[in-house]
Amino acid sequence: MNPGKFDLNLYRGDSYAWRFTLWKDSAKTQEVDLTGSIVSAQIRDKPSGTKIVQLTCDVTTPNIVDMQMTPSMYDLCPPKGVWDLEITFADDQVQTPLAGQVIVTADVTNSG
């Protein structure tokens, strides 16, 4: 299964928070059970790229992932790149439900 597309359009230096509610079906009747899972998300300049921003991810069971980006994370953030959200379930199965492009707009205030 291919990941759903979710692009990140960021303004350098700003804080962001996203909430993703994950479902097994398009009718949103079957929750993805995140109990015991490890959720990770990264921004990179390109797939397998060396510039890596590790986003903060928190799980609220059964099926919610909260992801945050803080101003200090921009130190390593490329102006354009890619990102994805990967889940390692308790049974060691791995899935990537979301991925997309990243575009960072340069800020003006405090851009020094």
PDB file of N, CA and C in Angstrom:
ATOM      1  N   MET A   1       0.843  -1.184   0.000  1.00  0.00           N
ATOM      2  CA  MET A   1       0.000   0.000   0.000  1.00  0.00           C
ATOM      3  C   MET A   1       0.885   1.242   0.000  1.00  0.00           C
ATOM      4  N   ASN A   2       0.579   2.181  -0.867  1.00  0.00           N
ATOM      5  CA  ASN A   2       1.330   3.430  -0.913  1.00  0.00           C
ATOM      6  C   ASN A   2       0.871   4.365   0.190  1.00  0.00           C
ATOM      7  N   PRO A   3       1.802   5.166   0.715  1.00  0.00           N
ATOM      8  CA  PRO A   3       1.420   6.139   1.743  1.00  0.00           C
ATOM      9  C   PRO A   3       0.468   7.199   1.189  1.00  0.00           C
ATOM     10  N   GLY A   4      -0.379   7.737   2.062  1.00  0.00           N
ATOM     11  CA  GLY A   4      -1.186   8.884   1.697  1.00  0.00           C
ATOM     12  C   GLY A   4      -0.288  10.094   1.541  1.00  0.00           C
ATOM     13  N   LYS A   5      -0.673  11.030   0.680  1.00  0.00           N
ATOM     14  CA  LYS A   5       0.140  12.219   0.422  1.00  0.00           C
ATOM     15  C   LYS A   5      -0.269  13.342   1.377  1.00  0.00           C
ATOM     16  N   PHE A   6       0.739  13.895   2.073  1.00  0.00           N
ATOM     17  CA  PHE A   6       0.522  15.034   2.957  1.00  0.00           C
ATOM     18  C   PHE A   6       1.792  15.878   2.909  1.00  0.00           C
ATOM     19  N   ASP A   7       1.740  16.987   2.180  1.00  0.00           N
ATOM     20  CA  ASP A   7       2.891  17.870   2.050  1.00  0.00           C
ATOM     21  C   ASP A   7       2.995  18.801   3.254  1.00  0.00           C
ATOM     22  N   LEU A   8       4.227  19.140   3.614  1.00  0.00           N
ATOM     23  CA  LEU A   8       4.483  20.093   4.699  1.00  0.00           C
ATOM     24  C   LEU A   8       4.978  21.391   4.091  1.00  0.00           C
ATOM     25  N   ASN A   9       4.183  22.444   4.213  1.00  0.00           N
ATOM     26  CA  ASN A   9       4.568  23.789   3.785  1.00  0.00           C
ATOM     27  C   ASN A   9       4.862  24.578   5.042  1.00  0.00           C
ATOM     28  N   LEU A  10       6.153  24.799   5.300  1.00  0.00           N
ATOM     29  CA  LEU A  10       6.609  25.369   6.567  1.00  0.00           C
ATOM     30  C   LEU A  10       7.137  26.789   6.377  1.00  0.00           C
ATOM     31  N   TYR A  11       7.004  27.585   7.412  1.00  0.00           N
ATOM     32  CA  TYR A  11       7.583  28.923   7.447  1.00  0.00           C
ATOM     33  C   TYR A  11       8.705  28.870   8.478  1.00  0.00           C
ATOM     34  N   ARG A  12       9.951  29.010   8.017  1.00  0.00           N
ATOM     35  CA  ARG A  12      11.132  28.803   8.866  1.00  0.00           C
ATOM     36  C   ARG A  12      11.000  29.534  10.204  1.00  0.00           C
ATOM     37  N   GLY A  13      11.263  28.792  11.264  1.00  0.00           N
ATOM     38  CA  GLY A  13      11.244  29.346  12.617  1.00  0.00           C
ATOM     39  C   GLY A  13       9.916  29.227  13.333  1.00  0.00           C
ATOM     40  N   ASP A  14       8.849  28.861  12.610  1.00  0.00           N
ATOM     41  CA  ASP A  14       7.536  28.731  13.248  1.00  0.00           C
ATOM     42  C   ASP A  14       7.358  27.342  13.861  1.00  0.00           C
ATOM     43  N   SER A  15       6.544  27.277  14.889  1.00  0.00           N
ATOM     44  CA  SER A  15       6.180  26.006  15.520  1.00  0.00           C
ATOM     45  C   SER A  15       4.987  25.401  14.785  1.00  0.00           C
ATOM     46  N   TYR A  16       4.974  24.083  14.698  1.00  0.00           N
ATOM     47  CA  TYR A  16       3.869  23.381  14.039  1.00  0.00           C
ATOM     48  C   TYR A  16       3.458  22.177  14.873  1.00  0.00           C
ATOM     49  N   ALA A  17       2.184  21.838  14.781  1.00  0.00           N
ATOM     50  CA  ALA A  17       1.657  20.621  15.400  1.00  0.00           C
ATOM     51  C   ALA A  17       0.597  20.045  14.470  1.00  0.00           C
ATOM     52  N   TRP A  18       0.682  18.748  14.250  1.00  0.00           N
ATOM     53  CA  TRP A  18      -0.282  18.051  13.400  1.00  0.00           C
ATOM     54  C   TRP A  18      -0.861  16.883  14.190  1.00  0.00           C
ATOM     55  N   ARG A  19      -2.110  16.572  13.944  1.00  0.00           N
ATOM     56  CA  ARG A  19      -2.753  15.398  14.540  1.00  0.00           C
ATOM     57  C   ARG A  19      -3.272  14.528  13.402  1.00  0.00           C
ATOM     58  N   PHE A  20      -2.819  13.293  13.390  1.00  0.00           N
ATOM     59  CA  PHE A  20      -3.249  12.326  12.390  1.00  0.00           C
ATOM     60  C   PHE A  20      -4.036  11.223  13.082  1.00  0.00           C
ATOM     61  N   THR A  21      -5.253  11.001  12.630  1.00  0.00           N
ATOM     62  CA  THR A  21      -6.093   9.917  13.129  1.00  0.00           C
ATOM     63  C   THR A  21      -6.097   8.840  12.055  1.00  0.00           C
ATOM     64  N   LEU A  22      -5.612   7.656  12.406  1.00  0.00           N
ATOM     65  CA  LEU A  22      -5.376   6.613  11.422  1.00  0.00           C
ATOM     66  C   LEU A  22      -6.482   5.560  11.436  1.00  0.00           C
ATOM     67  N   TRP A  23      -6.938   5.219  10.218  1.00  0.00           N
ATOM     68  CA  TRP A  23      -8.027   4.258  10.032  1.00  0.00           C
ATOM     69  C   TRP A  23      -7.593   3.163   9.077  1.00  0.00           C
ATOM     70  N   LYS A  24      -8.130   1.968   9.257  1.00  0.00           N
ATOM     71  CA  LYS A  24      -7.865   0.847   8.355  1.00  0.00           C
ATOM     72  C   LYS A  24      -8.692   0.947   7.080  1.00  0.00           C
ATOM     73  N   ASP A  25      -9.836   1.615   7.153  1.00  0.00           N
ATOM     74  CA  ASP A  25     -10.761   1.650   6.018  1.00  0.00           C
ATOM     75  C   ASP A  25     -11.149   3.085   5.670  1.00  0.00           C
ATOM     76  N   SER A  26     -11.568   3.289   4.434  1.00  0.00           N
ATOM     77  CA  SER A  26     -11.919   4.632   3.976  1.00  0.00           C
ATOM     78  C   SER A  26     -13.199   5.159   4.618  1.00  0.00           C
ATOM     79  N   ALA A  27     -14.050   4.263   5.134  1.00  0.00           N
ATOM     80  CA  ALA A  27     -15.274   4.694   5.815  1.00  0.00           C
ATOM     81  C   ALA A  27     -15.002   5.166   7.244  1.00  0.00           C
ATOM     82  N   LYS A  28     -13.769   4.987   7.696  1.00  0.00           N
ATOM     83  CA  LYS A  28     -13.341   5.395   9.043  1.00  0.00           C
ATOM     84  C   LYS A  28     -14.174   4.718  10.135  1.00  0.00           C
ATOM     85  N   THR A  29     -14.312   3.406   9.996  1.00  0.00           N
ATOM     86  CA  THR A  29     -15.035   2.624  11.009  1.00  0.00           C
ATOM     87  C   THR A  29     -14.103   1.676  11.763  1.00  0.00           C
ATOM     88  N   GLN A  30     -12.895   1.427  11.201  1.00  0.00           N
ATOM     89  CA  GLN A  30     -11.945   0.499  11.816  1.00  0.00           C
ATOM     90  C   GLN A  30     -10.661   1.253  12.158  1.00  0.00           C
ATOM     91  N   GLU A  31     -10.410   1.426  13.448  1.00  0.00           N
ATOM     92  CA  GLU A  31      -9.233   2.156  13.899  1.00  0.00           C
ATOM     93  C   GLU A  31      -7.963   1.329  13.696  1.00  0.00           C
ATOM     94  N   VAL A  32      -6.868   2.001  13.359  1.00  0.00           N
ATOM     95  CA  VAL A  32      -5.555   1.359  13.373  1.00  0.00           C
ATOM     96  C   VAL A  32      -5.135   1.281  14.833  1.00  0.00           C
ATOM     97  N   ASP A  33      -4.829   0.087  15.314  1.00  0.00           N
ATOM     98  CA  ASP A  33      -4.448  -0.091  16.714  1.00  0.00           C
ATOM     99  C   ASP A  33      -2.956   0.192  16.879  1.00  0.00           C
ATOM    100  N   LEU A  34      -2.641   1.305  17.497  1.00  0.00           N
ATOM    101  CA  LEU A  34      -1.257   1.724  17.701  1.00  0.00           C
ATOM    102  C   LEU A  34      -0.684   1.272  19.037  1.00  0.00           C
ATOM    103  N   THR A  35      -1.396   0.440  19.775  1.00  0.00           N
ATOM    104  CA  THR A  35      -0.925  -0.034  21.077  1.00  0.00           C
ATOM    105  C   THR A  35       0.434  -0.719  20.918  1.00  0.00           C
ATOM    106  N   GLY A  36       1.420  -0.253  21.664  1.00  0.00           N
ATOM    107  CA  GLY A  36       2.754  -0.842  21.643  1.00  0.00           C
ATOM    108  C   GLY A  36       3.584  -0.501  20.423  1.00  0.00           C
ATOM    109  N   SER A  37       3.112   0.401  19.595  1.00  0.00           N
ATOM    110  CA  SER A  37       3.851   0.745  18.371  1.00  0.00           C
ATOM    111  C   SER A  37       4.858   1.864  18.619  1.00  0.00           C
ATOM    112  N   ILE A  38       5.813   1.960  17.708  1.00  0.00           N
ATOM    113  CA  ILE A  38       6.799   3.042  17.710  1.00  0.00           C
ATOM    114  C   ILE A  38       6.560   3.856  16.446  1.00  0.00           C
ATOM    115  N   VAL A  39       6.351   5.150  16.612  1.00  0.00           N
ATOM    116  CA  VAL A  39       6.070   6.028  15.483  1.00  0.00           C
ATOM    117  C   VAL A  39       7.233   7.003  15.325  1.00  0.00           C
ATOM    118  N   SER A  40       7.696   7.143  14.089  1.00  0.00           N
ATOM    119  CA  SER A  40       8.822   8.013  13.807  1.00  0.00           C
ATOM    120  C   SER A  40       8.530   8.800  12.531  1.00  0.00           C
ATOM    121  N   ALA A  41       8.991  10.051  12.492  1.00  0.00           N
ATOM    122  CA  ALA A  41       8.841  10.880  11.301  1.00  0.00           C
ATOM    123  C   ALA A  41      10.112  11.686  11.110  1.00  0.00           C
ATOM    124  N   GLN A  42      10.553  11.768   9.865  1.00  0.00           N
ATOM    125  CA  GLN A  42      11.754  12.516   9.538  1.00  0.00           C
ATOM    126  C   GLN A  42      11.542  13.374   8.292  1.00  0.00           C
ATOM    127  N   ILE A  43      12.230  14.513   8.297  1.00  0.00           N
ATOM    128  CA  ILE A  43      12.388  15.335   7.104  1.00  0.00           C
ATOM    129  C   ILE A  43      13.826  15.129   6.643  1.00  0.00           C
ATOM    130  N   ARG A  44      14.000  14.927   5.345  1.00  0.00           N
ATOM    131  CA  ARG A  44      15.342  14.817   4.767  1.00  0.00           C
ATOM    132  C   ARG A  44      15.395  15.652   3.486  1.00  0.00           C
ATOM    133  N   ASP A  45      16.614  15.971   3.058  1.00  0.00           N
ATOM    134  CA  ASP A  45      16.768  16.725   1.818  1.00  0.00           C
ATOM    135  C   ASP A  45      16.355  15.893   0.608  1.00  0.00           C
ATOM    136  N   LYS A  46      16.453  14.569   0.718  1.00  0.00           N
ATOM    137  CA  LYS A  46      16.040  13.626  -0.328  1.00  0.00           C
ATOM    138  C   LYS A  46      15.971  12.249   0.328  1.00  0.00           C
ATOM    139  N   PRO A  47      15.306  11.270  -0.297  1.00  0.00           N
ATOM    140  CA  PRO A  47      15.317   9.929   0.276  1.00  0.00           C
ATOM    141  C   PRO A  47      16.763   9.464   0.502  1.00  0.00           C
ATOM    142  N   SER A  48      17.038   8.918   1.664  1.00  0.00           N
ATOM    143  CA  SER A  48      18.384   8.491   2.081  1.00  0.00           C
ATOM    144  C   SER A  48      19.348   9.662   2.226  1.00  0.00           C
ATOM    145  N   GLY A  49      18.840  10.895   2.250  1.00  0.00           N
ATOM    146  CA  GLY A  49      19.686  12.076   2.392  1.00  0.00           C
ATOM    147  C   GLY A  49      20.322  12.159   3.763  1.00  0.00           C
ATOM    148  N   THR A  50      21.385  12.946   3.859  1.00  0.00           N
ATOM    149  CA  THR A  50      22.146  13.048   5.106  1.00  0.00           C
ATOM    150  C   THR A  50      21.678  14.186   6.014  1.00  0.00           C
ATOM    151  N   LYS A  51      20.917  15.134   5.470  1.00  0.00           N
ATOM    152  CA  LYS A  51      20.343  16.188   6.309  1.00  0.00           C
ATOM    153  C   LYS A  51      19.033  15.647   6.877  1.00  0.00           C
ATOM    154  N   ILE A  52      19.008  15.417   8.197  1.00  0.00           N
ATOM    155  CA  ILE A  52      17.863  14.746   8.824  1.00  0.00           C
ATOM    156  C   ILE A  52      17.304  15.594   9.953  1.00  0.00           C
ATOM    157  N   VAL A  53      15.989  15.806   9.926  1.00  0.00           N
ATOM    158  CA  VAL A  53      15.276  16.438  11.033  1.00  0.00           C
ATOM    159  C   VAL A  53      14.335  15.377  11.597  1.00  0.00           C
ATOM    160  N   GLN A  54      14.551  15.022  12.864  1.00  0.00           N
ATOM    161  CA  GLN A  54      13.696  14.043  13.539  1.00  0.00           C
ATOM    162  C   GLN A  54      12.542  14.801  14.185  1.00  0.00           C
ATOM    163  N   LEU A  55      11.327  14.599  13.676  1.00  0.00           N
ATOM    164  CA  LEU A  55      10.148  15.256  14.231  1.00  0.00           C
ATOM    165  C   LEU A  55       9.713  14.524  15.501  1.00  0.00           C
ATOM    166  N   THR A  56       9.048  15.233  16.392  1.00  0.00           N
ATOM    167  CA  THR A  56       8.559  14.640  17.633  1.00  0.00           C
ATOM    168  C   THR A  56       7.198  14.009  17.379  1.00  0.00           C
ATOM    169  N   CYS A  57       7.052  12.742  17.757  1.00  0.00           N
ATOM    170  CA  CYS A  57       5.788  12.027  17.557  1.00  0.00           C
ATOM    171  C   CYS A  57       5.324  11.410  18.880  1.00  0.00           C
ATOM    172  N   ASP A  58       4.051  11.580  19.179  1.00  0.00           N
ATOM    173  CA  ASP A  58       3.430  10.989  20.356  1.00  0.00           C
ATOM    174  C   ASP A  58       2.189  10.235  19.919  1.00  0.00           C
ATOM    175  N   VAL A  59       1.957   9.080  20.549  1.00  0.00           N
ATOM    176  CA  VAL A  59       0.810   8.245  20.222  1.00  0.00           C
ATOM    177  C   VAL A  59      -0.219   8.331  21.336  1.00  0.00           C
ATOM    178  N   THR A  60      -1.480   8.497  20.958  1.00  0.00           N
ATOM    179  CA  THR A  60      -2.615   8.354  21.862  1.00  0.00           C
ATOM    180  C   THR A  60      -3.432   7.194  21.315  1.00  0.00           C
ATOM    181  N   THR A  61      -3.473   6.103  22.074  1.00  0.00           N
ATOM    182  CA  THR A  61      -4.207   4.932  21.597  1.00  0.00           C
ATOM    183  C   THR A  61      -5.696   5.204  21.647  1.00  0.00           C
ATOM    184  N   PRO A  62      -6.449   4.664  20.713  1.00  0.00           N
ATOM    185  CA  PRO A  62      -5.980   3.593  19.855  1.00  0.00           C
ATOM    186  C   PRO A  62      -5.345   4.041  18.548  1.00  0.00           C
ATOM    187  N   ASN A  63      -5.643   5.254  18.012  1.00  0.00           N
ATOM    188  CA  ASN A  63      -5.249   5.514  16.627  1.00  0.00           C
ATOM    189  C   ASN A  63      -4.830   6.947  16.309  1.00  0.00           C
ATOM    190  N   ILE A  64      -4.298   7.666  17.285  1.00  0.00           N
ATOM    191  CA  ILE A  64      -3.927   9.068  17.052  1.00  0.00           C
ATOM    192  C   ILE A  64      -2.418   9.256  17.167  1.00  0.00           C
ATOM    193  N   VAL A  65      -1.850   9.985  16.183  1.00  0.00           N
ATOM    194  CA  VAL A  65      -0.445  10.372  16.221  1.00  0.00           C
ATOM    195  C   VAL A  65      -0.387  11.891  16.214  1.00  0.00           C
ATOM    196  N   ASP A  66       0.264  12.460  17.222  1.00  0.00           N
ATOM    197  CA  ASP A  66       0.521  13.898  17.266  1.00  0.00           C
ATOM    198  C   ASP A  66       1.984  14.109  16.894  1.00  0.00           C
ATOM    199  N   MET A  67       2.216  15.011  15.949  1.00  0.00           N
ATOM    200  CA  MET A  67       3.565  15.285  15.463  1.00  0.00           C
ATOM    201  C   MET A  67       3.841  16.777  15.617  1.00  0.00           C
ATOM    202  N   GLN A  68       5.051  17.103  16.069  1.00  0.00           N
ATOM    203  CA  GLN A  68       5.412  18.505  16.294  1.00  0.00           C
ATOM    204  C   GLN A  68       6.744  18.839  15.645  1.00  0.00           C
ATOM    205  N   MET A  69       6.848  20.120  15.287  1.00  0.00           N
ATOM    206  CA  MET A  69       8.110  20.688  14.831  1.00  0.00           C
ATOM    207  C   MET A  69       8.324  21.982  15.593  1.00  0.00           C
ATOM    208  N   THR A  70       9.500  22.122  16.193  1.00  0.00           N
ATOM    209  CA  THR A  70       9.821  23.312  16.988  1.00  0.00           C
ATOM    210  C   THR A  70      10.836  24.184  16.229  1.00  0.00           C
ATOM    211  N   PRO A  71      10.949  25.450  16.605  1.00  0.00           N
ATOM    212  CA  PRO A  71      11.879  26.342  15.912  1.00  0.00           C
ATOM    213  C   PRO A  71      13.322  25.834  15.864  1.00  0.00           C
ATOM    214  N   SER A  72      13.798  25.169  16.904  1.00  0.00           N
ATOM    215  CA  SER A  72      15.188  24.695  16.913  1.00  0.00           C
ATOM    216  C   SER A  72      15.443  23.608  15.870  1.00  0.00           C
ATOM    217  N   MET A  73      14.409  22.946  15.396  1.00  0.00           N
ATOM    218  CA  MET A  73      14.581  21.876  14.406  1.00  0.00           C
ATOM    219  C   MET A  73      14.970  22.400  13.026  1.00  0.00           C
ATOM    220  N   TYR A  74      14.794  23.689  12.773  1.00  0.00           N
ATOM    221  CA  TYR A  74      15.103  24.249  11.464  1.00  0.00           C
ATOM    222  C   TYR A  74      16.610  24.331  11.195  1.00  0.00           C
ATOM    223  N   ASP A  75      17.435  24.203  12.231  1.00  0.00           N
ATOM    224  CA  ASP A  75      18.883  24.276  12.041  1.00  0.00           C
ATOM    225  C   ASP A  75      19.372  23.258  11.012  1.00  0.00           C
ATOM    226  N   LEU A  76      18.737  22.100  10.945  1.00  0.00           N
ATOM    227  CA  LEU A  76      19.131  21.052  10.011  1.00  0.00           C
ATOM    228  C   LEU A  76      18.169  20.885   8.843  1.00  0.00           C
ATOM    229  N   CYS A  77      17.132  21.698   8.807  1.00  0.00           N
ATOM    230  CA  CYS A  77      16.064  21.516   7.824  1.00  0.00           C
ATOM    231  C   CYS A  77      16.442  22.105   6.469  1.00  0.00           C
ATOM    232  N   PRO A  78      16.363  21.300   5.404  1.00  0.00           N
ATOM    233  CA  PRO A  78      16.648  21.822   4.071  1.00  0.00           C
ATOM    234  C   PRO A  78      15.498  22.706   3.579  1.00  0.00           C
ATOM    235  N   PRO A  79      15.755  23.624   2.645  1.00  0.00           N
ATOM    236  CA  PRO A  79      14.683  24.475   2.125  1.00  0.00           C
ATOM    237  C   PRO A  79      13.638  23.685   1.324  1.00  0.00           C
ATOM    238  N   LYS A  80      14.063  22.571   0.734  1.00  0.00           N
ATOM    239  CA  LYS A  80      13.147  21.666   0.042  1.00  0.00           C
ATOM    240  C   LYS A  80      13.568  20.245   0.389  1.00  0.00           C
ATOM    241  N   GLY A  81      12.587  19.381   0.519  1.00  0.00           N
ATOM    242  CA  GLY A  81      12.927  18.013   0.846  1.00  0.00           C
ATOM    243  C   GLY A  81      11.711  17.109   0.826  1.00  0.00           C
ATOM    244  N   VAL A  82      11.828  16.021   1.565  1.00  0.00           N
ATOM    245  CA  VAL A  82      10.776  15.017   1.657  1.00  0.00           C
ATOM    246  C   VAL A  82      10.622  14.599   3.118  1.00  0.00           C
ATOM    247  N   TRP A  83       9.484  13.987   3.422  1.00  0.00           N
ATOM    248  CA  TRP A  83       9.256  13.498   4.780  1.00  0.00           C
ATOM    249  C   TRP A  83       8.354  12.275   4.699  1.00  0.00           C
ATOM    250  N   ASP A  84       8.367  11.488   5.781  1.00  0.00           N
ATOM    251  CA  ASP A  84       7.367  10.439   5.933  1.00  0.00           C
ATOM    252  C   ASP A  84       7.171  10.094   7.399  1.00  0.00           C
ATOM    253  N   LEU A  85       6.077   9.396   7.642  1.00  0.00           N
ATOM    254  CA  LEU A  85       5.693   8.936   8.980  1.00  0.00           C
ATOM    255  C   LEU A  85       5.689   7.419   8.930  1.00  0.00           C
ATOM    256  N   GLU A  86       6.503   6.781   9.769  1.00  0.00           N
ATOM    257  CA  GLU A  86       6.637   5.338   9.747  1.00  0.00           C
ATOM    258  C   GLU A  86       6.217   4.756  11.092  1.00  0.00           C
ATOM    259  N   ILE A  87       5.474   3.662  11.035  1.00  0.00           N
ATOM    260  CA  ILE A  87       5.002   2.988  12.246  1.00  0.00           C
ATOM    261  C   ILE A  87       5.590   1.586  12.293  1.00  0.00           C
ATOM    262  N   THR A  88       6.218   1.255  13.422  1.00  0.00           N
ATOM    263  CA  THR A  88       6.629  -0.116  13.684  1.00  0.00           C
ATOM    264  C   THR A  88       5.670  -0.646  14.746  1.00  0.00           C
ATOM    265  N   PHE A  89       4.827  -1.583  14.344  1.00  0.00           N
ATOM    266  CA  PHE A  89       3.811  -2.127  15.242  1.00  0.00           C
ATOM    267  C   PHE A  89       4.425  -3.114  16.227  1.00  0.00           C
ATOM    268  N   ALA A  90       3.690  -3.444  17.264  1.00  0.00           N
ATOM    269  CA  ALA A  90       4.159  -4.343  18.318  1.00  0.00           C
ATOM    270  C   ALA A  90       4.588  -5.700  17.764  1.00  0.00           C
ATOM    271  N   ASP A  91       4.008  -6.127  16.633  1.00  0.00           N
ATOM    272  CA  ASP A  91       4.366  -7.415  16.026  1.00  0.00           C
ATOM    273  C   ASP A  91       5.501  -7.272  15.000  1.00  0.00           C
ATOM    274  N   ASP A  92       6.207  -6.117  15.023  1.00  0.00           N
ATOM    275  CA  ASP A  92       7.344  -5.801  14.152  1.00  0.00           C
ATOM    276  C   ASP A  92       6.974  -5.539  12.692  1.00  0.00           C
ATOM    277  N   GLN A  93       5.692  -5.457  12.376  1.00  0.00           N
ATOM    278  CA  GLN A  93       5.278  -5.044  11.037  1.00  0.00           C
ATOM    279  C   GLN A  93       5.536  -3.543  10.907  1.00  0.00           C
ATOM    280  N   VAL A  94       5.958  -3.106   9.723  1.00  0.00           N
ATOM    281  CA  VAL A  94       6.267  -1.690   9.486  1.00  0.00           C
ATOM    282  C   VAL A  94       5.377  -1.174   8.372  1.00  0.00           C
ATOM    283  N   GLN A  95       4.785   0.004   8.607  1.00  0.00           N
ATOM    284  CA  GLN A  95       3.955   0.657   7.600  1.00  0.00           C
ATOM    285  C   GLN A  95       4.264   2.148   7.579  1.00  0.00           C
ATOM    286  N   THR A  96       4.110   2.738   6.415  1.00  0.00           N
ATOM    287  CA  THR A  96       4.292   4.176   6.237  1.00  0.00           C
ATOM    288  C   THR A  96       2.969   4.743   5.736  1.00  0.00           C
ATOM    289  N   PRO A  97       2.149   5.300   6.650  1.00  0.00           N
ATOM    290  CA  PRO A  97       0.832   5.777   6.239  1.00  0.00           C
ATOM    291  C   PRO A  97       0.831   7.132   5.538  1.00  0.00           C
ATOM    292  N   LEU A  98       1.869   7.955   5.765  1.00  0.00           N
ATOM    293  CA  LEU A  98       1.897   9.304   5.194  1.00  0.00           C
ATOM    294  C   LEU A  98       3.292   9.656   4.704  1.00  0.00           C
ATOM    295  N   ALA A  99       3.337  10.429   3.626  1.00  0.00           N
ATOM    296  CA  ALA A  99       4.602  10.925   3.087  1.00  0.00           C
ATOM    297  C   ALA A  99       4.302  12.133   2.216  1.00  0.00           C
ATOM    298  N   GLY A 100       5.328  12.925   1.945  1.00  0.00           N
ATOM    299  CA  GLY A 100       5.113  14.064   1.069  1.00  0.00           C
ATOM    300  C   GLY A 100       6.350  14.909   0.875  1.00  0.00           C
ATOM    301  N   GLN A 101       6.137  16.002   0.191  1.00  0.00           N
ATOM    302  CA  GLN A 101       7.185  16.985  -0.061  1.00  0.00           C
ATOM    303  C   GLN A 101       7.249  17.968   1.104  1.00  0.00           C
ATOM    304  N   VAL A 102       8.402  18.607   1.253  1.00  0.00           N
ATOM    305  CA  VAL A 102       8.583  19.653   2.265  1.00  0.00           C
ATOM    306  C   VAL A 102       9.104  20.895   1.563  1.00  0.00           C
ATOM    307  N   ILE A 103       8.439  22.001   1.817  1.00  0.00           N
ATOM    308  CA  ILE A 103       8.897  23.300   1.315  1.00  0.00           C
ATOM    309  C   ILE A 103       8.957  24.246   2.503  1.00  0.00           C
ATOM    310  N   VAL A 104      10.130  24.862   2.688  1.00  0.00           N
ATOM    311  CA  VAL A 104      10.331  25.802   3.797  1.00  0.00           C
ATOM    312  C   VAL A 104      10.511  27.190   3.218  1.00  0.00           C
ATOM    313  N   THR A 105       9.636  28.107   3.607  1.00  0.00           N
ATOM    314  CA  THR A 105       9.743  29.511   3.205  1.00  0.00           C
ATOM    315  C   THR A 105      10.619  30.244   4.210  1.00  0.00           C
ATOM    316  N   ALA A 106      11.579  31.007   3.713  1.00  0.00           N
ATOM    317  CA  ALA A 106      12.466  31.761   4.600  1.00  0.00           C
ATOM    318  C   ALA A 106      11.667  32.830   5.344  1.00  0.00           C
ATOM    319  N   ASP A 107      11.977  32.989   6.617  1.00  0.00           N
ATOM    320  CA  ASP A 107      11.278  34.005   7.400  1.00  0.00           C
ATOM    321  C   ASP A 107      11.988  35.357   7.287  1.00  0.00           C
ATOM    322  N   VAL A 108      11.337  36.392   7.803  1.00  0.00           N
ATOM    323  CA  VAL A 108      11.886  37.746   7.755  1.00  0.00           C
ATOM    324  C   VAL A 108      12.288  38.173   9.157  1.00  0.00           C
ATOM    325  N   THR A 109      11.346  38.153  10.086  1.00  0.00           N
ATOM    326  CA  THR A 109      11.624  38.552  11.461  1.00  0.00           C
ATOM    327  C   THR A 109      12.495  37.498  12.134  1.00  0.00           C
ATOM    328  N   ASN A 110      13.546  37.919  12.797  1.00  0.00           N
ATOM    329  CA  ASN A 110      14.478  37.026  13.499  1.00  0.00           C
ATOM    330  C   ASN A 110      15.135  36.027  12.556  1.00  0.00           C
ATOM    331  N   SER A 111      15.383  36.433  11.325  1.00  0.00           N
ATOM    332  CA  SER A 111      15.992  35.509  10.358  1.00  0.00           C
ATOM    333  C   SER A 111      17.519  35.545  10.417  1.00  0.00           C
ATOM    334  N   GLY A 112      18.079  36.402  11.264  1.00  0.00           N
ATOM    335  CA  GLY A 112      19.506  36.639  11.379  1.00  0.00           C
ATOM    336  C   GLY A 112      20.342  35.442  11.403  1.00  0.00           C
TER     337      GLY A 112
END
